[in-house]
């Protein structure tokens, strides 16, 4: 990539950061405990709307990994989730009635909070239905991973989004508040993934899994991207571009080798596919706040109404991170 294109990307990063500062006016504090954040603390950033049913387990999971503080944006929930978060001692939460779509699907809001609070911290950006799995996560806290990354001068860590689903109809087993969603959505596609290098941003673009084969079988190129860079040693000059799919400066996107997988990497267990999805899809279709005219939620609603079963004979039941490494979905790299 030439000097001109590099200059354009630097200007783009500056624009995204300025845009985030402007969009910060849409955020109103519900509870700000950021004065508790200490040097070396691990931080989680997330945007949510009407996810109260998921929040107790979400907090429990990441606390167990060693997260010290949560910075959350509540996009005008009416289910009490924002108030629940405001009462948690390790959570800072902002509420906004602003447009999710016009905030670039929450990226502007979180970029602002990361610029202001995450500088020189390891920041993990995830949705309430995403659960970060990394090498040795069953025996080592997350700061063991970030200490190793610091020692290797690595500032970003990739994770493939792995769609989890139940065996049988999505509405067969109701999900209960505070429950581990993997108890229900414990299956995944072991293969059926494609990837290519994005030459502009240098990130590896991954698609496939149940959303490609079930919701976009005729138009696989429209299937959602599964590549993410959720964990970053943040600097105030950084900016996410599109969700956590890519970030600037572009060197932070080099989290895989040319063929994928040989550098240390993780997985985000994605637990969207529970009995709660039909209600969520109907709400998001009415709001029309998601990417590409809510194309993804249109596909969910249409397909689930006909056949609410994602399981197939090639599905594999989740055991642990070692299983995912054997399948080539993540890697410990040279971290022993």
Protein backbone atom coordinates (compact mmCIF):
# COMPACT_ATOMS: atom_id res chain seq x y z
CA UNK A 1 0.00 0.00 0.00
CA UNK A 2 1.41 3.35 -1.05
CA UNK A 3 2.17 6.52 0.85
CA UNK A 4 -1.01 8.20 -0.42
CA UNK A 5 -3.25 5.39 0.85
CA UNK A 6 -1.47 5.36 4.23
CA UNK A 7 -2.07 9.09 4.52
CA UNK A 8 -5.76 8.61 3.70
CA UNK A 9 -6.08 6.02 6.44
CA UNK A 10 -4.46 8.36 8.97
CA UNK A 11 -6.98 11.04 8.00
CA UNK A 12 -9.81 8.51 8.28
CA UNK A 13 -8.67 7.55 11.78
CA UNK A 14 -8.66 11.21 12.78
CA UNK A 15 -12.18 11.62 11.39
CA UNK A 16 -13.49 8.60 13.32
CA UNK A 17 -11.99 9.96 16.53
CA UNK A 18 -13.49 13.43 15.97
CA UNK A 19 -16.83 11.85 15.14
CA UNK A 20 -16.68 9.85 18.39
CA UNK A 21 -16.10 13.05 20.35
CA UNK A 22 -19.16 14.66 18.72
CA UNK A 23 -21.31 11.59 19.34
CA UNK A 24 -20.34 11.62 23.02
CA UNK A 25 -22.93 14.37 23.50
CA UNK A 26 -25.60 11.71 23.10
CA UNK A 27 -24.39 9.85 26.20
CA UNK A 28 -25.92 10.55 29.61
CA UNK A 29 -24.32 9.14 32.74
CA UNK A 30 -26.32 6.60 34.75
CA UNK A 31 -23.38 5.56 36.92
CA UNK A 32 -19.76 6.62 36.49
CA UNK A 33 -17.30 4.70 38.63
CA UNK A 34 -14.31 5.14 36.34
CA UNK A 35 -12.39 6.77 39.19
CA UNK A 36 -12.02 3.20 40.50
CA UNK A 37 -10.02 2.10 37.44
CA UNK A 38 -6.42 1.43 38.42
CA UNK A 39 -3.27 1.05 36.36
CA UNK A 40 -3.19 -2.38 34.75
CA UNK A 41 -6.93 -3.05 35.13
CA UNK A 42 -8.63 -5.08 32.40
CA UNK A 43 -11.68 -3.37 30.92
CA UNK A 44 -14.77 -4.56 29.04
CA UNK A 45 -16.69 -2.25 26.68
CA UNK A 46 -20.14 -3.09 25.39
CA UNK A 47 -23.28 -1.60 23.85
CA UNK A 48 -26.67 -3.13 24.60
CA UNK A 49 -30.39 -2.74 24.22
CA UNK A 50 -32.95 -4.83 26.15
CA UNK A 51 -30.45 -7.48 27.24
CA UNK A 52 -31.37 -7.62 30.93
CA UNK A 53 -31.95 -11.38 30.75
CA UNK A 54 -28.33 -11.91 29.69
CA UNK A 55 -26.54 -9.43 31.94
CA UNK A 56 -26.12 -11.41 35.20
CA UNK A 57 -24.25 -14.26 33.52
CA UNK A 58 -22.33 -11.89 31.24
CA UNK A 59 -20.92 -10.05 34.26
CA UNK A 60 -20.23 -13.28 36.12
CA UNK A 61 -18.37 -14.82 33.19
CA UNK A 62 -16.06 -11.86 32.66
CA UNK A 63 -15.49 -11.27 36.35
CA UNK A 64 -14.33 -14.88 36.59
CA UNK A 65 -11.85 -14.23 33.76
CA UNK A 66 -10.43 -11.31 35.73
CA UNK A 67 -12.09 -8.25 34.22
CA UNK A 68 -11.84 -5.33 36.66
CA UNK A 69 -14.31 -2.82 35.21
CA UNK A 70 -17.17 -2.73 32.70
CA UNK A 71 -18.01 0.36 30.63
CA UNK A 72 -21.46 -0.09 29.08
CA UNK A 73 -23.71 1.96 26.81
CA UNK A 74 -27.44 1.29 27.24
CA UNK A 75 -29.23 2.26 24.02
CA UNK A 76 -32.62 3.23 25.50
CA UNK A 77 -33.54 -0.14 27.01
CA UNK A 78 -36.99 -0.50 28.53
CA UNK A 79 -36.41 -3.84 30.30
CA UNK A 80 -34.54 -2.51 33.36
CA UNK A 81 -31.11 -3.61 32.16
CA UNK A 82 -29.59 -0.14 32.45
CA UNK A 83 -30.75 0.24 36.05
CA UNK A 84 -29.44 -3.23 36.90
CA UNK A 85 -26.01 -2.27 35.55
CA UNK A 86 -26.05 1.05 37.39
CA UNK A 87 -26.31 -0.86 40.69
CA UNK A 88 -23.23 -3.02 40.03
CA UNK A 89 -20.11 -1.89 41.92
CA UNK A 90 -17.68 -2.52 39.03
CA UNK A 91 -19.81 -1.08 36.21
CA UNK A 92 -19.99 2.39 34.68
CA UNK A 93 -22.99 2.85 32.43
CA UNK A 94 -24.20 5.56 30.07
CA UNK A 95 -27.68 5.78 28.55
CA UNK A 96 -28.52 7.18 25.15
CA UNK A 97 -31.67 7.62 23.09
CA UNK A 98 -29.47 8.25 20.05
CA UNK A 99 -29.73 6.29 16.84
CA UNK A 100 -27.77 3.04 16.89
CA UNK A 101 -27.49 3.25 13.11
CA UNK A 102 -26.21 6.83 13.01
CA UNK A 103 -23.62 6.01 15.69
CA UNK A 104 -22.20 3.46 13.24
CA UNK A 105 -23.92 0.69 15.21
CA UNK A 106 -22.51 1.80 18.55
CA UNK A 107 -18.89 2.13 17.36
CA UNK A 108 -18.81 5.92 17.83
CA UNK A 109 -20.05 5.71 21.41
CA UNK A 110 -17.53 3.04 22.39
CA UNK A 111 -14.67 4.73 20.54
CA UNK A 112 -15.30 7.80 22.68
CA UNK A 113 -15.29 5.82 25.94
CA UNK A 114 -12.15 3.95 24.89
CA UNK A 115 -10.36 7.17 23.95
CA UNK A 116 -11.26 8.68 27.31
CA UNK A 117 -10.86 5.74 29.69
CA UNK A 118 -8.94 2.88 28.04
CA UNK A 119 -5.62 4.52 27.17
CA UNK A 120 -2.78 2.12 28.12
CA UNK A 121 -5.27 -0.54 29.29
CA UNK A 122 -6.13 -3.84 27.69
CA UNK A 123 -9.70 -3.33 26.47
CA UNK A 124 -12.04 -6.16 25.48
CA UNK A 125 -14.99 -5.07 23.33
CA UNK A 126 -17.83 -7.61 23.21
CA UNK A 127 -21.61 -7.82 22.93
CA UNK A 128 -23.68 -9.27 25.79
CA UNK A 129 -24.11 -12.50 23.79
CA UNK A 130 -20.37 -12.99 23.16
CA UNK A 131 -18.06 -14.97 25.45
CA UNK A 132 -14.31 -14.71 24.98
CA UNK A 133 -12.33 -17.96 24.92
CA UNK A 134 -8.53 -17.89 24.71
CA UNK A 135 -5.75 -20.47 25.11
CA UNK A 136 -5.58 -21.87 28.67
CA UNK A 137 -8.66 -19.87 29.73
CA UNK A 138 -9.73 -22.79 31.89
CA UNK A 139 -6.57 -22.52 34.02
CA UNK A 140 -5.14 -19.02 33.51
CA UNK A 141 -6.80 -15.65 34.18
CA UNK A 142 -6.97 -13.13 31.38
CA UNK A 143 -4.12 -11.04 32.75
CA UNK A 144 -1.84 -14.03 32.09
CA UNK A 145 -2.72 -13.64 28.42
CA UNK A 146 -2.28 -9.87 28.41
CA UNK A 147 1.03 -10.12 30.33
CA UNK A 148 2.31 -12.51 27.66
CA UNK A 149 1.08 -10.19 24.89
CA UNK A 150 2.84 -7.26 26.58
CA UNK A 151 6.06 -9.26 26.88
CA UNK A 152 5.88 -10.06 23.15
CA UNK A 153 5.05 -6.42 22.24
CA UNK A 154 1.75 -7.57 20.73
CA UNK A 155 -0.99 -4.93 20.99
CA UNK A 156 -4.02 -6.72 19.51
CA UNK A 157 -5.51 -10.20 19.69
CA UNK A 158 -7.92 -11.75 17.20
CA UNK A 159 -10.90 -13.99 17.86
CA UNK A 160 -13.24 -15.72 15.45
CA UNK A 161 -16.95 -15.35 16.17
CA UNK A 162 -18.31 -18.89 16.56
CA UNK A 163 -22.09 -19.17 16.31
CA UNK A 164 -23.49 -21.50 18.98
CA UNK A 165 -26.93 -23.11 18.75
CA UNK A 166 -29.03 -25.83 20.41
CA UNK A 167 -29.84 -29.26 19.06
CA UNK A 168 -33.46 -28.99 17.98
CA UNK A 169 -35.77 -26.02 17.68
CA UNK A 170 -34.50 -22.67 18.96
CA UNK A 171 -37.70 -22.24 20.96
CA UNK A 172 -37.59 -25.72 22.49
CA UNK A 173 -35.71 -24.78 25.69
CA UNK A 174 -36.43 -21.41 27.34
CA UNK A 175 -33.42 -19.43 28.48
CA UNK A 176 -33.52 -18.26 32.11
CA UNK A 177 -32.02 -15.03 33.43
CA UNK A 178 -28.56 -15.67 34.85
CA UNK A 179 -28.16 -19.02 33.09
CA UNK A 180 -25.05 -19.99 31.16
CA UNK A 181 -26.35 -19.87 27.56
CA UNK A 182 -23.88 -22.60 26.51
CA UNK A 183 -25.99 -25.02 28.57
CA UNK A 184 -28.60 -24.63 25.80
CA UNK A 185 -26.64 -23.41 22.75
CA UNK A 186 -23.83 -25.94 22.98
CA UNK A 187 -23.37 -26.89 19.31
CA UNK A 188 -21.39 -25.26 16.49
CA UNK A 189 -20.19 -25.80 12.92
CA UNK A 190 -16.71 -27.34 13.02
CA UNK A 191 -16.02 -26.43 9.38
CA UNK A 192 -17.70 -24.59 6.51
CA UNK A 193 -15.67 -21.36 6.79
CA UNK A 194 -14.04 -19.21 4.13
CA UNK A 195 -11.57 -16.36 4.49
CA UNK A 196 -9.69 -13.80 2.44
CA UNK A 197 -7.32 -10.94 3.11
CA UNK A 198 -8.70 -7.41 3.06
CA UNK A 199 -5.83 -5.63 1.36
CA UNK A 200 -6.89 -2.13 2.41
CA UNK A 201 -7.07 -2.78 6.15
CA UNK A 202 -4.92 -5.96 6.30
CA UNK A 203 -7.52 -7.88 8.31
CA UNK A 204 -8.59 -11.45 7.51
CA UNK A 205 -12.27 -11.57 6.48
CA UNK A 206 -14.03 -14.76 7.67
CA UNK A 207 -17.54 -15.97 6.78
CA UNK A 208 -19.43 -19.22 7.11
CA UNK A 209 -21.01 -21.37 9.80
CA UNK A 210 -24.74 -21.75 10.41
CA UNK A 211 -25.59 -18.20 9.40
CA UNK A 212 -24.15 -18.74 5.93
CA UNK A 213 -25.62 -22.20 5.35
CA UNK A 214 -28.99 -21.52 6.94
CA UNK A 215 -29.81 -17.82 6.45
CA UNK A 216 -27.81 -16.92 3.32
CA UNK A 217 -27.47 -20.18 1.34
CA UNK A 218 -28.22 -18.48 -1.99
CA UNK A 219 -26.11 -15.40 -1.28
CA UNK A 220 -23.20 -16.62 0.88
CA UNK A 221 -21.23 -13.42 0.30
CA UNK A 222 -23.92 -11.59 2.30
CA UNK A 223 -23.35 -13.71 5.41
CA UNK A 224 -22.10 -11.78 8.47
CA UNK A 225 -18.37 -11.39 9.04
CA UNK A 226 -16.95 -13.63 11.76
CA UNK A 227 -13.51 -12.03 12.12
CA UNK A 228 -13.04 -9.82 15.16
CA UNK A 229 -10.25 -8.03 17.00
CA UNK A 230 -11.90 -7.67 20.40
CA UNK A 231 -8.82 -7.36 22.62
CA UNK A 232 -6.56 -4.33 22.18
CA UNK A 233 -3.91 -2.63 24.30
CA UNK A 234 -5.63 0.68 23.77
CA UNK A 235 -4.09 4.00 22.84
CA UNK A 236 -6.08 7.22 22.67
CA UNK A 237 -5.15 7.59 18.98
CA UNK A 238 -6.82 4.28 17.99
CA UNK A 239 -10.30 3.90 16.49
CA UNK A 240 -12.47 0.95 15.54
CA UNK A 241 -13.77 1.27 11.98
CA UNK A 242 -16.52 -1.34 11.65
CA UNK A 243 -17.65 -3.04 14.87
CA UNK A 244 -14.52 -4.87 16.03
CA UNK A 245 -13.94 -6.31 12.55
CA UNK A 246 -11.21 -3.79 11.84
CA UNK A 247 -9.33 -1.04 13.58
CA UNK A 248 -6.92 1.79 12.76
CA UNK A 249 -3.98 1.97 12.66
CA UNK A 250 -4.15 -0.98 10.30
CA UNK A 251 -1.14 -2.77 11.79
CA UNK A 252 -3.43 -3.81 14.66
CA UNK A 253 -5.43 -5.92 12.18
CA UNK A 254 -2.52 -8.31 11.58
CA UNK A 255 -3.72 -10.88 14.11
CA UNK A 256 -3.42 -13.94 11.82
CA UNK A 257 -0.73 -15.08 9.45
CA UNK A 258 -1.42 -15.07 5.70
CA UNK A 259 -3.23 -18.42 5.88
CA UNK A 260 -4.92 -17.85 9.21
CA UNK A 261 -4.62 -19.34 12.65
CA UNK A 262 -0.89 -19.76 13.37
CA UNK A 263 -0.53 -16.69 15.57
CA UNK A 264 -2.12 -17.00 18.99
CA UNK A 265 -5.84 -16.32 18.68
CA UNK A 266 -9.12 -16.93 20.45
CA UNK A 267 -12.82 -17.44 19.83
CA UNK A 268 -15.93 -15.51 20.77
CA UNK A 269 -18.71 -17.98 21.57
CA UNK A 270 -21.74 -16.24 20.05
CA UNK A 271 -24.96 -17.19 21.83
CA UNK A 272 -27.55 -15.23 19.84
CA UNK A 273 -29.47 -18.36 18.87
CA UNK A 274 -31.72 -18.95 21.87
CA UNK A 275 -35.51 -18.86 22.22
CA UNK A 276 -35.21 -15.09 22.79
CA UNK A 277 -34.18 -14.50 19.15
CA UNK A 278 -37.65 -14.34 17.63
CA UNK A 279 -38.67 -11.47 19.93
CA UNK A 280 -35.33 -9.73 19.37
CA UNK A 281 -35.62 -10.08 15.60
CA UNK A 282 -39.14 -8.62 15.59
CA UNK A 283 -38.00 -5.66 17.70
CA UNK A 284 -34.98 -4.94 15.51
CA UNK A 285 -37.01 -5.21 12.31
CA UNK A 286 -39.38 -2.58 13.66
CA UNK A 287 -36.51 -0.29 14.73
CA UNK A 288 -34.57 -0.63 11.43
CA UNK A 289 -31.33 0.33 13.15
CA UNK A 290 -29.04 -2.44 11.93
CA UNK A 291 -26.57 -2.78 9.10
CA UNK A 292 -27.78 -2.93 5.46
CA UNK A 293 -31.42 -2.25 6.25
CA UNK A 294 -31.44 -4.93 8.98
CA UNK A 295 -30.86 -7.56 6.26
CA UNK A 296 -29.53 -10.01 8.83
CA UNK A 297 -32.62 -9.74 11.04
CA UNK A 298 -34.92 -10.07 8.04
CA UNK A 299 -33.19 -13.36 7.26
CA UNK A 300 -33.52 -14.47 10.89
CA UNK A 301 -37.24 -13.73 11.03
CA UNK A 302 -38.06 -15.39 7.70
CA UNK A 303 -35.97 -18.52 8.26
CA UNK A 304 -36.89 -19.10 11.89
CA UNK A 305 -40.60 -18.89 11.09
CA UNK A 306 -40.15 -21.74 8.56
CA UNK A 307 -37.50 -23.90 10.23
CA UNK A 308 -36.15 -22.91 13.67
CA UNK A 309 -33.52 -25.69 13.80
CA UNK A 310 -29.86 -24.92 13.03
CA UNK A 311 -28.49 -28.33 13.99
CA UNK A 312 -27.23 -30.64 11.26
CA UNK A 313 -25.35 -33.95 11.06
CA UNK A 314 -22.01 -32.11 10.87
CA UNK A 315 -22.65 -30.12 14.07
CA UNK A 316 -20.18 -30.58 16.91
CA UNK A 317 -20.83 -30.19 20.63
CA UNK A 318 -18.62 -27.71 22.45
CA UNK A 319 -16.20 -29.11 25.03
CA UNK A 320 -13.40 -26.60 25.61
CA UNK A 321 -10.78 -24.36 23.98
CA UNK A 322 -8.49 -27.30 23.26
CA UNK A 323 -11.16 -28.81 21.04
CA UNK A 324 -11.41 -25.51 19.13
CA UNK A 325 -7.63 -25.47 18.66
CA UNK A 326 -7.62 -29.03 17.31
CA UNK A 327 -10.31 -27.99 14.82
CA UNK A 328 -8.19 -25.03 13.70
CA UNK A 329 -10.64 -22.38 14.91
CA UNK A 330 -8.12 -20.82 17.32
CA UNK A 331 -4.48 -21.23 18.24
CA UNK A 332 -2.15 -20.97 21.20
CA UNK A 333 0.63 -19.91 18.78
CA UNK A 334 3.93 -19.95 20.65
CA UNK A 335 2.32 -19.28 24.05
CA UNK A 336 3.14 -22.36 26.10
